[in-house]
Amino acid sequence: MIIIGVGAGPGMITEEAAQAVARARLIYGSERAIDLVQRHIDPDCIVKVIEDYKNLNQLSEDSALLSTGDPMLSGLGYLRGTVIPGISSLQVACARLKISELKIVPITVHGRRLEPEIIAFELRRGRSVFLLTDEQTDLGSLCK
């Protein structure tokens, strides 16, 4: 299987990832990920929207799996297979804010349990935290 990072938003796919998408014969991805690379998908390619993220490790070896952003930053890079990175939200945020990535500690609670003590620890160390959240994250409680 090949895991392809499609970037954090429109126009943020790398050339290597775009070529891998164009070569793929069987693609799995979220609707958002598929939309981001639609123009690179061969018309003869079979494209399937992921319905169950729990069974991704059972995809066939010839599958291409789309991951938004960079698969190694809160993405699907933990699965077996070759990983082609994409442009992550961390890279985009740091570039736009002109902050060195070396000063950032990325923490993800996207699809995971929020552990405020870990975030507080990094803040006490004087680090800036790049927090990846989802709609279930209770930011009000975290800020308190």
Protein backbone atom coordinates (compact mmCIF):
# COMPACT_ATOMS: atom_id res chain seq x y z
CA MET A 1 0.00 0.00 0.00
CA ILE A 2 1.09 3.56 -0.60
CA ILE A 3 -0.03 6.31 1.77
CA ILE A 4 -0.16 9.67 0.02
CA GLY A 5 -0.24 12.98 1.87
CA VAL A 6 -2.44 15.30 -0.19
CA GLY A 7 -1.63 18.51 1.66
CA ALA A 8 -3.47 20.64 4.20
CA GLY A 9 -5.66 22.33 1.60
CA PRO A 10 -6.12 23.14 -2.07
CA GLY A 11 -2.87 23.45 -4.04
CA MET A 12 -0.72 21.98 -1.26
CA ILE A 13 0.01 18.59 -2.79
CA THR A 14 3.64 17.90 -3.66
CA GLU A 15 4.73 16.91 -7.16
CA GLU A 16 5.75 13.46 -5.91
CA ALA A 17 2.32 12.93 -4.34
CA ALA A 18 0.50 14.19 -7.45
CA GLN A 19 2.44 11.73 -9.62
CA ALA A 20 1.63 8.86 -7.24
CA VAL A 21 -2.07 9.76 -7.38
CA ALA A 22 -1.93 9.86 -11.20
CA ARG A 23 -0.33 6.37 -11.31
CA ALA A 24 -2.76 4.81 -8.83
CA ARG A 25 -5.32 2.31 -10.10
CA LEU A 26 -7.21 1.98 -6.78
CA ILE A 27 -7.58 4.94 -4.39
CA TYR A 28 -9.18 5.16 -0.95
CA GLY A 29 -9.71 8.45 0.85
CA SER A 30 -12.07 10.74 2.67
CA GLU A 31 -14.32 12.91 0.51
CA ARG A 32 -12.15 15.91 1.41
CA ALA A 33 -8.91 14.15 0.46
CA ILE A 34 -10.38 12.95 -2.84
CA ASP A 35 -11.61 16.46 -3.64
CA LEU A 36 -8.13 17.87 -3.01
CA VAL A 37 -6.55 15.60 -5.64
CA GLN A 38 -9.43 15.04 -8.06
CA ARG A 39 -7.64 16.72 -10.96
CA HIS A 40 -4.71 14.28 -10.62
CA ILE A 41 -6.80 11.08 -10.59
CA ASP A 42 -6.76 9.03 -13.79
CA PRO A 43 -10.28 8.58 -15.21
CA ASP A 44 -9.83 4.79 -15.23
CA CYS A 45 -8.87 4.69 -11.54
CA ILE A 46 -11.30 3.15 -9.04
CA VAL A 47 -11.94 5.62 -6.22
CA LYS A 48 -13.58 4.62 -2.96
CA VAL A 49 -14.62 6.84 -0.06
CA ILE A 50 -13.44 5.44 3.26
CA GLU A 51 -16.40 4.35 5.35
CA ASP A 52 -14.57 2.52 8.14
CA TYR A 53 -11.19 3.76 9.35
CA LYS A 54 -10.78 0.72 11.63
CA ASN A 55 -10.13 -1.65 8.71
CA LEU A 56 -7.60 0.35 6.71
CA ASN A 57 -4.85 -2.14 7.56
CA GLN A 58 -6.80 -4.69 5.49
CA LEU A 59 -6.57 -2.74 2.21
CA SER A 60 -4.83 -4.54 -0.64
CA GLU A 61 -1.15 -4.04 -1.41
CA ASP A 62 -1.97 -2.22 -4.66
CA SER A 63 -4.08 0.41 -2.88
CA ALA A 64 -3.29 4.09 -2.62
CA LEU A 65 -4.58 5.65 0.58
CA LEU A 66 -5.04 9.42 0.69
CA SER A 67 -4.22 11.25 3.92
CA THR A 68 -4.88 14.96 4.32
CA GLY A 69 -1.85 17.03 5.24
CA ASP A 70 1.21 14.95 6.03
CA PRO A 71 0.48 11.32 6.97
CA MET A 72 3.16 11.48 9.66
CA LEU A 73 1.49 14.41 11.48
CA SER A 74 -1.76 13.05 12.92
CA GLY A 75 -2.36 11.11 9.72
CA LEU A 76 -2.40 7.58 8.39
CA GLY A 77 1.37 7.09 8.27
CA TYR A 78 1.20 4.53 11.08
CA LEU A 79 -0.17 1.98 8.60
CA ARG A 80 2.11 -0.42 6.74
CA GLY A 81 3.32 0.75 3.37
CA THR A 82 5.30 3.47 1.69
CA VAL A 83 4.57 7.03 2.82
CA ILE A 84 4.72 10.07 0.55
CA PRO A 85 4.47 13.20 2.70
CA GLY A 86 2.27 16.15 1.95
CA ILE A 87 2.42 19.75 3.08
CA SER A 88 1.13 19.75 6.64
CA SER A 89 -0.97 22.31 8.49
CA LEU A 90 2.04 22.75 10.79
CA GLN A 91 4.26 23.75 7.87
CA VAL A 92 1.62 26.13 6.54
CA ALA A 93 0.98 27.79 9.90
CA CYS A 94 4.68 28.22 10.67
CA ALA A 95 5.40 29.66 7.23
CA ARG A 96 2.51 32.11 7.35
CA LEU A 97 3.30 33.21 10.91
CA LYS A 98 7.08 33.18 10.27
CA ILE A 99 7.73 30.89 13.23
CA SER A 100 10.50 28.31 13.11
CA GLU A 101 9.19 24.75 13.29
CA LEU A 102 12.07 24.07 15.67
CA LYS A 103 10.25 26.16 18.31
CA ILE A 104 7.01 24.18 18.04
CA VAL A 105 5.81 21.05 19.81
CA PRO A 106 3.03 19.40 17.80
CA ILE A 107 0.34 17.68 19.86
CA THR A 108 -2.69 16.02 18.35
CA VAL A 109 -6.01 15.33 20.02
CA HIS A 110 -7.71 14.74 16.68
CA GLY A 111 -9.50 11.45 17.24
CA ARG A 112 -7.64 11.02 20.52
CA ARG A 113 -8.14 11.74 24.20
CA LEU A 114 -7.26 15.24 25.37
CA GLU A 115 -4.47 15.17 27.97
CA PRO A 116 -4.16 18.76 29.28
CA GLU A 117 -1.20 17.88 31.52
CA ILE A 118 0.98 17.15 28.48
CA ILE A 119 0.08 20.51 26.91
CA ALA A 120 0.67 22.32 30.22
CA PHE A 121 4.06 20.61 30.59
CA GLU A 122 5.23 21.89 27.19
CA LEU A 123 3.93 25.40 27.90
CA ARG A 124 5.78 25.45 31.26
CA ARG A 125 8.94 24.52 29.36
CA GLY A 126 8.47 27.68 27.31
CA ARG A 127 7.55 25.83 24.13
CA SER A 128 4.83 26.84 21.68
CA VAL A 129 2.25 24.11 21.19
CA PHE A 130 0.72 23.40 17.80
CA LEU A 131 -2.50 21.68 18.77
CA LEU A 132 -4.40 19.60 16.22
CA THR A 133 -8.01 19.29 17.35
CA ASP A 134 -11.32 18.01 16.09
CA GLU A 135 -14.93 18.98 16.67
CA GLN A 136 -15.05 16.92 19.90
CA THR A 137 -12.19 18.86 21.52
CA ASP A 138 -13.39 20.99 24.44
CA LEU A 139 -11.13 24.02 23.96
CA GLY A 140 -12.93 26.02 26.67
CA SER A 141 -12.05 23.45 29.32
CA LEU A 142 -8.52 23.18 28.01
CA CYS A 143 -7.99 26.94 28.26
CA LYS A 144 -9.21 26.96 31.87
